[in-house]
N, C-alpha and C. Protein backbone atom coordinates (compact mmCIF):
# COMPACT_ATOMS: atom_id res chain seq x y z
N MET A 1 54.30 40.99 2.08
CA MET A 1 55.07 39.85 1.61
C MET A 1 54.87 38.64 2.52
N PRO A 2 54.71 38.90 3.92
CA PRO A 2 54.56 37.59 4.68
C PRO A 2 53.28 36.75 4.26
N ARG A 3 52.35 37.42 3.98
CA ARG A 3 50.98 36.61 3.65
C ARG A 3 51.36 35.76 2.35
N SER A 4 51.98 36.34 1.20
CA SER A 4 52.25 35.58 0.11
C SER A 4 53.17 34.41 0.42
N LEU A 5 54.14 34.63 1.25
CA LEU A 5 55.05 33.60 1.73
C LEU A 5 54.31 32.41 2.42
N SER A 6 53.28 32.68 3.46
CA SER A 6 52.62 31.70 4.02
C SER A 6 51.68 30.87 2.96
N PHE A 7 51.17 31.56 2.13
CA PHE A 7 50.40 30.87 0.90
C PHE A 7 51.31 29.81 0.24
N ALA A 8 52.36 30.33 -0.15
CA ALA A 8 53.42 29.46 -0.88
C ALA A 8 53.77 28.24 -0.13
N LEU A 9 54.03 28.37 1.17
CA LEU A 9 54.38 27.23 2.09
C LEU A 9 53.24 26.20 2.20
N ILE A 10 52.05 26.75 2.28
CA ILE A 10 50.86 25.83 2.46
C ILE A 10 50.66 25.12 1.08
N PHE A 11 50.84 25.71 -0.04
CA PHE A 11 50.84 25.25 -1.44
C PHE A 11 51.83 24.06 -1.52
N ILE A 12 53.13 24.46 -1.15
CA ILE A 12 54.12 23.43 -1.31
C ILE A 12 53.93 22.13 -0.54
N SER A 13 53.42 22.42 0.80
CA SER A 13 53.27 21.27 1.60
C SER A 13 52.04 20.44 1.25
N SER A 14 51.13 20.96 0.64
CA SER A 14 49.91 20.18 0.28
C SER A 14 50.30 19.40 -0.94
N ALA A 15 51.08 20.02 -1.77
CA ALA A 15 51.64 19.40 -3.16
C ALA A 15 52.44 18.08 -2.65
N ALA A 16 53.38 18.28 -1.64
CA ALA A 16 54.14 17.18 -1.17
C ALA A 16 53.18 16.08 -0.56
N CYS A 17 52.34 16.42 0.08
CA CYS A 17 51.40 15.42 0.80
C CYS A 17 50.74 14.58 -0.32
N SER A 18 50.22 15.30 -1.19
CA SER A 18 49.49 14.47 -2.24
C SER A 18 50.46 13.67 -3.18
N ALA A 19 51.60 14.10 -3.39
CA ALA A 19 52.69 13.33 -3.97
C ALA A 19 52.99 12.11 -3.22
N ALA A 20 53.23 12.20 -2.08
CA ALA A 20 53.50 11.08 -1.13
C ALA A 20 52.45 10.10 -1.16
N ALA A 21 51.13 10.50 -1.20
CA ALA A 21 49.99 9.57 -1.14
C ALA A 21 49.88 8.80 -2.42
N GLN A 22 50.26 9.59 -3.46
CA GLN A 22 50.12 8.81 -4.91
C GLN A 22 51.25 7.93 -4.84
N SER A 23 52.45 8.09 -4.33
CA SER A 23 53.56 7.12 -4.41
C SER A 23 53.21 5.86 -3.54
N GLN A 24 52.55 6.18 -2.37
CA GLN A 24 52.04 4.93 -1.63
C GLN A 24 51.04 4.12 -2.32
N ASP A 25 50.11 4.69 -2.95
CA ASP A 25 49.16 4.00 -3.71
C ASP A 25 49.70 3.10 -4.90
N ALA A 26 50.71 3.70 -5.63
CA ALA A 26 51.40 3.09 -6.77
C ALA A 26 52.15 1.88 -6.30
N SER A 27 52.71 1.88 -5.04
CA SER A 27 53.56 0.74 -4.57
C SER A 27 52.68 -0.38 -3.95
N ALA A 28 51.48 -0.02 -3.55
CA ALA A 28 50.53 -0.97 -2.97
C ALA A 28 49.73 -1.72 -4.10
N PRO A 29 49.42 -3.03 -3.97
CA PRO A 29 48.73 -3.70 -5.04
C PRO A 29 47.29 -3.19 -5.03
N PRO A 30 46.69 -2.91 -6.16
CA PRO A 30 45.26 -2.60 -6.25
C PRO A 30 44.30 -3.53 -5.62
N ARG A 31 43.55 -3.13 -4.75
CA ARG A 31 42.55 -3.88 -4.07
C ARG A 31 41.37 -4.22 -5.00
N VAL A 32 41.01 -3.41 -5.74
CA VAL A 32 39.90 -3.59 -6.62
C VAL A 32 40.17 -4.78 -7.61
N ALA A 33 41.37 -4.82 -8.12
CA ALA A 33 41.80 -5.89 -8.97
C ALA A 33 41.76 -7.20 -8.32
N ALA A 34 42.19 -7.27 -7.02
CA ALA A 34 42.13 -8.58 -6.30
C ALA A 34 40.76 -9.01 -6.11
N GLN A 35 39.77 -8.22 -5.86
CA GLN A 35 38.43 -8.49 -5.62
C GLN A 35 37.84 -9.12 -6.95
N ASP A 36 38.17 -8.53 -8.11
CA ASP A 36 37.66 -8.99 -9.38
C ASP A 36 38.27 -10.18 -9.89
N ALA A 37 39.45 -10.49 -9.37
CA ALA A 37 40.18 -11.68 -9.92
C ALA A 37 39.62 -12.98 -9.17
N ALA A 38 38.71 -12.79 -8.19
CA ALA A 38 38.36 -13.96 -7.46
C ALA A 38 37.29 -14.69 -8.46
N PRO A 39 37.19 -16.03 -8.46
CA PRO A 39 36.35 -16.91 -9.43
C PRO A 39 34.96 -16.61 -8.88
N PRO A 40 33.98 -16.72 -9.75
CA PRO A 40 32.62 -16.74 -9.33
C PRO A 40 32.32 -17.81 -8.23
N ALA A 41 31.38 -17.55 -7.46
CA ALA A 41 30.95 -18.42 -6.38
C ALA A 41 30.67 -19.83 -6.97
N GLU A 42 29.76 -19.94 -7.79
CA GLU A 42 29.23 -21.11 -8.42
C GLU A 42 29.08 -20.95 -9.96
N ALA A 43 29.85 -21.69 -10.58
CA ALA A 43 29.65 -21.70 -12.06
C ALA A 43 28.38 -22.55 -12.44
N LYS A 44 27.35 -21.96 -13.17
CA LYS A 44 26.20 -22.76 -13.49
C LYS A 44 26.36 -23.75 -14.54
N LYS A 45 25.81 -24.84 -14.36
CA LYS A 45 25.98 -25.97 -15.33
C LYS A 45 25.12 -25.73 -16.54
N PRO A 46 25.56 -25.87 -17.82
CA PRO A 46 24.53 -25.68 -18.84
C PRO A 46 23.58 -26.84 -18.89
N LYS A 47 22.41 -26.37 -19.29
CA LYS A 47 21.34 -27.38 -19.28
C LYS A 47 21.53 -28.34 -20.38
N LYS A 48 21.12 -29.58 -20.18
CA LYS A 48 21.22 -30.66 -21.14
C LYS A 48 19.99 -30.66 -22.17
N VAL A 49 20.33 -30.57 -23.35
CA VAL A 49 19.27 -30.66 -24.44
C VAL A 49 19.09 -32.04 -24.83
N TRP A 50 17.86 -32.55 -24.64
CA TRP A 50 17.58 -33.93 -25.05
C TRP A 50 17.14 -33.97 -26.45
N THR A 51 17.58 -35.03 -27.27
CA THR A 51 17.20 -35.10 -28.55
C THR A 51 16.51 -36.52 -28.69
N ASN A 52 16.05 -36.83 -29.81
CA ASN A 52 15.24 -38.07 -30.00
C ASN A 52 16.26 -39.22 -29.80
N GLU A 53 17.48 -38.91 -30.30
CA GLU A 53 18.55 -40.01 -30.21
C GLU A 53 19.01 -40.24 -28.85
N ASP A 54 19.06 -39.14 -28.08
CA ASP A 54 19.31 -39.43 -26.61
C ASP A 54 18.37 -40.21 -25.85
N ILE A 55 17.17 -40.15 -26.03
CA ILE A 55 15.89 -40.83 -25.49
C ILE A 55 16.00 -42.21 -25.95
N SER A 56 16.23 -42.40 -27.23
CA SER A 56 16.36 -43.88 -27.71
C SER A 56 17.57 -44.67 -27.10
N ARG A 57 18.59 -43.99 -26.71
CA ARG A 57 19.75 -44.62 -26.11
C ARG A 57 19.61 -44.73 -24.64
N SER A 58 18.69 -44.07 -24.03
CA SER A 58 18.52 -44.15 -22.56
C SER A 58 17.97 -45.55 -22.16
N THR A 59 18.43 -46.02 -21.05
CA THR A 59 17.89 -47.31 -20.55
C THR A 59 16.70 -47.34 -19.59
N GLY A 60 16.51 -46.19 -18.88
CA GLY A 60 15.52 -46.15 -17.90
C GLY A 60 14.19 -45.54 -18.58
N ALA A 61 13.23 -45.37 -17.82
CA ALA A 61 11.95 -44.64 -18.20
C ALA A 61 12.12 -43.16 -18.21
N VAL A 62 11.64 -42.69 -19.28
CA VAL A 62 11.72 -41.09 -19.49
C VAL A 62 10.27 -40.52 -19.20
N SER A 63 10.25 -39.65 -18.35
CA SER A 63 8.98 -38.92 -17.93
C SER A 63 8.97 -37.59 -18.80
N VAL A 64 7.83 -37.48 -19.60
CA VAL A 64 7.78 -36.23 -20.36
C VAL A 64 6.99 -35.10 -19.62
N VAL A 65 6.01 -35.57 -19.03
CA VAL A 65 4.97 -34.82 -18.51
C VAL A 65 5.27 -34.55 -16.92
N GLY A 66 5.70 -35.65 -16.26
CA GLY A 66 5.87 -35.45 -14.74
C GLY A 66 5.47 -36.81 -14.09
N ASP A 67 5.76 -36.82 -12.84
CA ASP A 67 5.59 -38.17 -12.06
C ASP A 67 3.96 -38.37 -11.94
N LEU A 68 3.65 -39.54 -11.90
CA LEU A 68 2.24 -39.94 -11.59
C LEU A 68 1.89 -39.61 -10.20
N LYS A 69 2.79 -39.65 -9.21
CA LYS A 69 2.56 -39.22 -7.88
C LYS A 69 2.08 -37.70 -7.72
N SER A 70 2.64 -36.81 -8.51
CA SER A 70 2.38 -35.48 -8.25
C SER A 70 1.18 -35.10 -9.14
N LYS A 71 0.44 -35.97 -9.77
CA LYS A 71 -0.83 -35.55 -10.51
C LYS A 71 -1.90 -35.18 -9.45
N PRO A 72 -2.64 -33.96 -9.67
CA PRO A 72 -3.69 -33.80 -8.85
C PRO A 72 -4.86 -34.76 -9.13
N GLN A 73 -5.47 -35.06 -7.93
CA GLN A 73 -6.61 -35.94 -8.01
C GLN A 73 -8.10 -35.20 -8.60
N PRO A 74 -8.58 -35.74 -9.49
CA PRO A 74 -9.87 -34.97 -9.85
C PRO A 74 -10.82 -34.88 -8.70
N ALA A 75 -11.47 -33.76 -8.71
CA ALA A 75 -12.42 -33.50 -7.60
C ALA A 75 -13.66 -34.37 -7.71
N ALA A 76 -14.31 -34.61 -6.77
CA ALA A 76 -15.60 -35.51 -6.91
C ALA A 76 -16.60 -34.51 -7.36
N ALA A 77 -17.36 -34.96 -8.28
CA ALA A 77 -18.59 -34.30 -8.79
C ALA A 77 -19.68 -34.29 -7.72
N LYS A 78 -20.06 -32.98 -7.43
CA LYS A 78 -21.10 -32.85 -6.35
C LYS A 78 -22.51 -32.95 -7.18
N PRO A 79 -23.42 -33.54 -6.50
CA PRO A 79 -24.73 -33.68 -7.26
C PRO A 79 -25.41 -32.18 -7.06
N ALA A 80 -26.00 -31.90 -8.22
CA ALA A 80 -26.62 -30.48 -8.15
C ALA A 80 -27.95 -30.49 -7.57
N ASN A 81 -28.27 -29.39 -6.79
CA ASN A 81 -29.53 -29.28 -6.11
C ASN A 81 -30.60 -29.08 -7.04
N ALA A 82 -31.62 -29.98 -6.87
CA ALA A 82 -32.80 -29.79 -7.91
C ALA A 82 -33.65 -28.60 -7.78
N GLN A 83 -33.70 -28.06 -6.41
CA GLN A 83 -34.47 -26.91 -6.28
C GLN A 83 -33.73 -25.67 -6.90
N TYR A 84 -32.46 -25.65 -6.65
CA TYR A 84 -31.59 -24.55 -7.13
C TYR A 84 -31.74 -24.57 -8.76
N ALA A 85 -31.67 -25.71 -9.37
CA ALA A 85 -31.74 -25.82 -10.90
C ALA A 85 -33.15 -25.33 -11.35
N ALA A 86 -34.21 -25.58 -10.53
CA ALA A 86 -35.54 -25.20 -11.03
C ALA A 86 -35.64 -23.78 -10.81
N SER A 87 -35.08 -23.15 -9.76
CA SER A 87 -35.19 -21.72 -9.67
C SER A 87 -34.43 -20.91 -10.67
N VAL A 88 -33.13 -21.50 -11.07
CA VAL A 88 -32.40 -20.89 -12.08
C VAL A 88 -33.09 -20.96 -13.45
N ARG A 89 -33.66 -22.14 -13.63
CA ARG A 89 -34.53 -22.34 -14.86
C ARG A 89 -35.69 -21.33 -14.96
N LYS A 90 -36.34 -21.15 -13.81
CA LYS A 90 -37.48 -20.14 -13.81
C LYS A 90 -37.02 -18.71 -14.13
N GLN A 91 -35.73 -18.28 -13.50
CA GLN A 91 -35.35 -16.96 -13.69
C GLN A 91 -34.81 -16.78 -15.10
N LEU A 92 -34.20 -17.86 -15.75
CA LEU A 92 -33.87 -17.73 -17.12
C LEU A 92 -35.17 -17.52 -18.05
N GLU A 93 -36.19 -18.36 -17.84
CA GLU A 93 -37.34 -18.34 -18.63
C GLU A 93 -37.89 -16.84 -18.56
N LYS A 94 -37.96 -16.23 -17.21
CA LYS A 94 -38.44 -14.88 -17.10
C LYS A 94 -37.59 -13.93 -17.95
N LEU A 95 -36.20 -14.03 -17.71
CA LEU A 95 -35.39 -13.03 -18.34
C LEU A 95 -35.47 -13.14 -20.01
N GLN A 96 -35.49 -14.50 -20.50
CA GLN A 96 -35.68 -14.73 -21.93
C GLN A 96 -36.94 -14.31 -22.42
N GLY A 97 -38.06 -14.31 -21.61
CA GLY A 97 -39.36 -13.61 -22.07
C GLY A 97 -39.32 -12.26 -22.19
N GLN A 98 -38.59 -11.54 -21.35
CA GLN A 98 -38.40 -10.17 -21.39
C GLN A 98 -37.64 -9.68 -22.62
N ILE A 99 -36.59 -10.53 -23.00
CA ILE A 99 -35.77 -10.26 -24.12
C ILE A 99 -36.59 -10.55 -25.39
N ALA A 100 -37.50 -11.46 -25.45
CA ALA A 100 -38.25 -11.71 -26.57
C ALA A 100 -39.33 -10.59 -26.66
N ASP A 101 -39.84 -9.95 -25.52
CA ASP A 101 -40.73 -8.87 -25.75
C ASP A 101 -40.03 -7.59 -26.21
N ILE A 102 -38.78 -7.34 -25.81
CA ILE A 102 -37.87 -6.26 -26.37
C ILE A 102 -37.71 -6.46 -27.93
N ASP A 103 -37.46 -7.82 -28.27
CA ASP A 103 -37.18 -7.94 -29.60
C ASP A 103 -38.47 -7.63 -30.47
N LYS A 104 -39.55 -7.95 -29.99
CA LYS A 104 -40.89 -7.64 -30.49
C LYS A 104 -41.12 -6.15 -30.80
N GLN A 105 -40.81 -5.40 -29.71
CA GLN A 105 -40.91 -3.82 -29.69
C GLN A 105 -39.89 -3.24 -30.66
N LEU A 106 -38.63 -3.89 -30.79
CA LEU A 106 -37.72 -3.36 -31.75
C LEU A 106 -38.30 -3.60 -33.16
N VAL A 107 -38.93 -4.86 -33.40
CA VAL A 107 -39.33 -5.09 -34.82
C VAL A 107 -40.52 -4.12 -35.10
N ASP A 108 -41.40 -3.82 -34.08
CA ASP A 108 -42.48 -2.96 -34.38
C ASP A 108 -42.02 -1.57 -34.68
N LEU A 109 -40.97 -1.02 -33.92
CA LEU A 109 -40.49 0.36 -34.15
C LEU A 109 -39.83 0.40 -35.44
N LYS A 110 -39.09 -0.56 -35.90
CA LYS A 110 -38.37 -0.63 -37.10
C LYS A 110 -39.45 -0.60 -38.21
N ASN A 111 -40.33 -1.32 -38.09
CA ASN A 111 -41.61 -1.38 -39.16
C ASN A 111 -42.17 0.01 -39.22
N PHE A 112 -42.42 0.61 -37.94
CA PHE A 112 -43.12 1.87 -38.11
C PHE A 112 -42.26 2.95 -38.76
N SER A 113 -40.96 2.81 -38.44
CA SER A 113 -40.09 3.93 -39.05
C SER A 113 -39.93 3.59 -40.60
N GLU A 114 -40.09 2.38 -41.09
CA GLU A 114 -40.15 2.25 -42.62
C GLU A 114 -41.38 2.29 -43.20
N GLY A 115 -42.62 2.74 -42.31
CA GLY A 115 -43.96 2.86 -42.95
C GLY A 115 -44.77 1.58 -43.15
N GLU A 116 -44.25 0.54 -42.62
CA GLU A 116 -44.96 -0.78 -42.74
C GLU A 116 -45.97 -0.93 -41.56
N PRO A 117 -46.99 -1.85 -41.69
CA PRO A 117 -47.99 -1.87 -40.68
C PRO A 117 -47.44 -2.71 -39.47
N SER A 118 -48.08 -2.59 -38.40
CA SER A 118 -47.61 -3.22 -37.10
C SER A 118 -47.72 -4.76 -37.27
N THR A 119 -46.88 -5.39 -36.35
CA THR A 119 -46.79 -6.89 -36.39
C THR A 119 -48.04 -7.59 -35.49
N SER A 120 -48.60 -6.78 -34.74
CA SER A 120 -49.62 -7.12 -33.91
C SER A 120 -50.79 -7.54 -34.74
N ALA A 121 -51.68 -8.48 -34.23
CA ALA A 121 -52.78 -8.98 -35.00
C ALA A 121 -53.91 -7.97 -35.34
N SER A 122 -54.31 -7.21 -34.31
CA SER A 122 -55.38 -6.28 -34.66
C SER A 122 -54.86 -4.88 -35.15
N GLY A 123 -53.66 -4.58 -34.73
CA GLY A 123 -53.15 -3.23 -35.17
C GLY A 123 -53.40 -2.25 -34.19
N VAL A 124 -54.40 -2.47 -33.21
CA VAL A 124 -54.75 -1.41 -32.31
C VAL A 124 -54.17 -1.77 -30.88
N LYS A 125 -53.60 -0.83 -30.32
CA LYS A 125 -52.87 -1.03 -29.06
C LYS A 125 -53.48 0.01 -28.01
N LEU A 126 -54.48 -0.53 -27.17
CA LEU A 126 -55.05 0.48 -26.36
C LEU A 126 -54.09 0.83 -25.22
N ASN A 127 -53.23 -0.09 -24.72
CA ASN A 127 -52.37 0.16 -23.60
C ASN A 127 -51.18 1.03 -24.00
N LYS A 128 -50.92 1.41 -25.25
CA LYS A 128 -49.77 2.11 -25.60
C LYS A 128 -50.09 3.56 -25.67
N ASN A 129 -49.18 4.38 -25.21
CA ASN A 129 -49.35 5.86 -25.21
C ASN A 129 -48.37 6.46 -26.24
N TYR A 130 -48.80 7.75 -26.42
CA TYR A 130 -47.86 8.41 -27.47
C TYR A 130 -46.55 8.81 -26.79
N SER A 131 -45.38 8.88 -27.64
CA SER A 131 -44.09 9.08 -27.03
C SER A 131 -43.62 10.19 -27.96
N ARG A 132 -42.97 11.24 -27.37
CA ARG A 132 -42.38 12.35 -28.17
C ARG A 132 -40.97 12.01 -28.53
N GLU A 133 -40.36 10.86 -28.06
CA GLU A 133 -38.92 10.59 -28.28
C GLU A 133 -38.83 10.07 -29.77
N PRO A 134 -37.66 10.41 -30.47
CA PRO A 134 -37.62 9.94 -31.82
C PRO A 134 -37.55 8.36 -31.67
N ILE A 135 -37.83 7.68 -32.86
CA ILE A 135 -37.83 6.36 -32.97
C ILE A 135 -36.35 5.81 -32.62
N GLU A 136 -35.38 6.43 -33.19
CA GLU A 136 -33.94 5.94 -32.86
C GLU A 136 -33.74 5.95 -31.52
N VAL A 137 -34.03 7.08 -30.77
CA VAL A 137 -33.79 7.08 -29.38
C VAL A 137 -34.48 5.96 -28.66
N GLN A 138 -35.71 5.58 -28.98
CA GLN A 138 -36.50 4.66 -28.47
C GLN A 138 -35.87 3.15 -28.63
N MET A 139 -35.37 3.06 -29.90
CA MET A 139 -34.80 1.65 -30.22
C MET A 139 -33.44 1.59 -29.49
N ARG A 140 -32.77 2.58 -29.40
CA ARG A 140 -31.39 2.62 -28.66
C ARG A 140 -31.70 2.25 -27.24
N ALA A 141 -32.71 2.73 -26.63
CA ALA A 141 -33.14 2.54 -25.15
C ALA A 141 -33.40 0.98 -25.04
N LEU A 142 -34.12 0.49 -26.06
CA LEU A 142 -34.62 -0.93 -25.94
C LEU A 142 -33.39 -1.80 -26.14
N GLN A 143 -32.43 -1.39 -27.09
CA GLN A 143 -31.23 -2.16 -27.23
C GLN A 143 -30.33 -2.21 -26.03
N ASN A 144 -30.43 -1.21 -25.28
CA ASN A 144 -29.70 -1.09 -23.99
C ASN A 144 -30.23 -2.04 -22.94
N GLN A 145 -31.75 -2.06 -22.90
CA GLN A 145 -32.28 -2.88 -22.04
C GLN A 145 -32.02 -4.27 -22.38
N LYS A 146 -32.03 -4.72 -23.63
CA LYS A 146 -31.74 -5.96 -24.03
C LYS A 146 -30.24 -6.45 -23.58
N LYS A 147 -29.35 -5.50 -23.90
CA LYS A 147 -27.94 -5.76 -23.40
C LYS A 147 -27.91 -6.14 -21.88
N ASP A 148 -28.59 -5.34 -21.08
CA ASP A 148 -28.58 -5.48 -19.62
C ASP A 148 -29.28 -6.88 -19.32
N LEU A 149 -30.34 -7.15 -20.00
CA LEU A 149 -30.85 -8.57 -19.69
C LEU A 149 -30.05 -9.69 -20.08
N GLU A 150 -29.26 -9.54 -21.21
CA GLU A 150 -28.43 -10.64 -21.64
C GLU A 150 -27.28 -10.75 -20.70
N SER A 151 -26.87 -9.65 -20.18
CA SER A 151 -25.68 -9.68 -19.24
C SER A 151 -26.22 -10.40 -17.92
N LYS A 152 -27.40 -10.18 -17.43
CA LYS A 152 -28.01 -10.81 -16.51
C LYS A 152 -28.18 -12.38 -16.66
N VAL A 153 -28.59 -12.64 -17.78
CA VAL A 153 -28.58 -14.09 -18.19
C VAL A 153 -27.25 -14.80 -18.16
N ASP A 154 -26.24 -13.99 -18.51
CA ASP A 154 -24.76 -14.58 -18.63
C ASP A 154 -24.35 -14.67 -17.09
N ALA A 155 -24.68 -13.78 -16.33
CA ALA A 155 -24.24 -13.85 -14.89
C ALA A 155 -24.94 -15.01 -14.19
N LEU A 156 -26.21 -15.16 -14.53
CA LEU A 156 -26.93 -16.32 -13.88
C LEU A 156 -26.40 -17.69 -14.24
N LEU A 157 -26.04 -17.75 -15.52
CA LEU A 157 -25.52 -18.93 -16.07
C LEU A 157 -24.06 -19.33 -15.36
N ASP A 158 -23.36 -18.22 -15.29
CA ASP A 158 -21.94 -18.39 -14.77
C ASP A 158 -22.15 -18.81 -13.22
N GLU A 159 -22.96 -18.11 -12.46
CA GLU A 159 -23.19 -18.50 -10.99
C GLU A 159 -23.71 -20.03 -10.95
N ALA A 160 -24.56 -20.51 -11.93
CA ALA A 160 -25.06 -21.78 -11.79
C ALA A 160 -23.90 -22.73 -12.14
N ARG A 161 -23.06 -22.35 -13.19
CA ARG A 161 -21.89 -23.31 -13.53
C ARG A 161 -20.96 -23.27 -12.31
N LYS A 162 -20.73 -22.29 -11.58
CA LYS A 162 -19.80 -22.42 -10.38
C LYS A 162 -20.23 -23.08 -9.21
N LYS A 163 -21.69 -23.29 -9.16
CA LYS A 163 -22.31 -24.08 -8.16
C LYS A 163 -22.38 -25.46 -8.57
N GLY A 164 -22.05 -25.83 -9.74
CA GLY A 164 -22.05 -27.26 -10.17
C GLY A 164 -23.08 -27.52 -11.15
N LEU A 165 -23.97 -26.77 -11.63
CA LEU A 165 -24.93 -27.13 -12.57
C LEU A 165 -24.40 -26.98 -14.06
N GLU A 166 -24.86 -27.97 -14.76
CA GLU A 166 -24.31 -27.93 -16.24
C GLU A 166 -25.43 -27.29 -16.89
N SER A 167 -25.04 -26.82 -18.24
CA SER A 167 -26.12 -26.07 -18.90
C SER A 167 -27.23 -26.95 -19.32
N SER A 168 -27.10 -28.26 -19.54
CA SER A 168 -28.11 -29.10 -19.99
C SER A 168 -29.20 -29.28 -18.74
N GLN A 169 -28.77 -29.15 -17.43
CA GLN A 169 -29.70 -29.10 -16.26
C GLN A 169 -30.47 -27.86 -16.21
N VAL A 170 -29.91 -26.74 -16.72
CA VAL A 170 -30.57 -25.34 -16.54
C VAL A 170 -31.67 -25.25 -17.79
N ARG A 171 -31.28 -25.64 -18.89
CA ARG A 171 -32.17 -25.31 -20.08
C ARG A 171 -33.33 -26.33 -20.36
């Protein structure tokens, strides 16, 4: 019995303490509500929407784009180096010649696959050797080479443009 009596006393005392704490909280003003009731620090102004009527009524100058003072000054055009232009032109001619050769080879392979005669004048090619690869594989390899050469041309033109050369100076 003494054990159950001690549990009862502990239970009653904890219930009394929690009731007293609740009664103190009920009498005190809630702190959360006081914090929420404070006005916002700064109320944002709504933006003014300008219409054509507002602009016609205004007496001062209206800037639509911005101030003239804040405009960036155009960069002075640098004269292109003639030697660099000549070297770029030479590289482009070489690459375009290689692309033209690949185009001729593609036409020859296409004609051969269709059973037509070769586009070369004599028809005899002593420097060519026999290939066991199917024509489609050879054509695909040539097309990949052509794409690589075209990307090199594009990269060369981009580099020349970045260095101040115009396309009319290179071609």
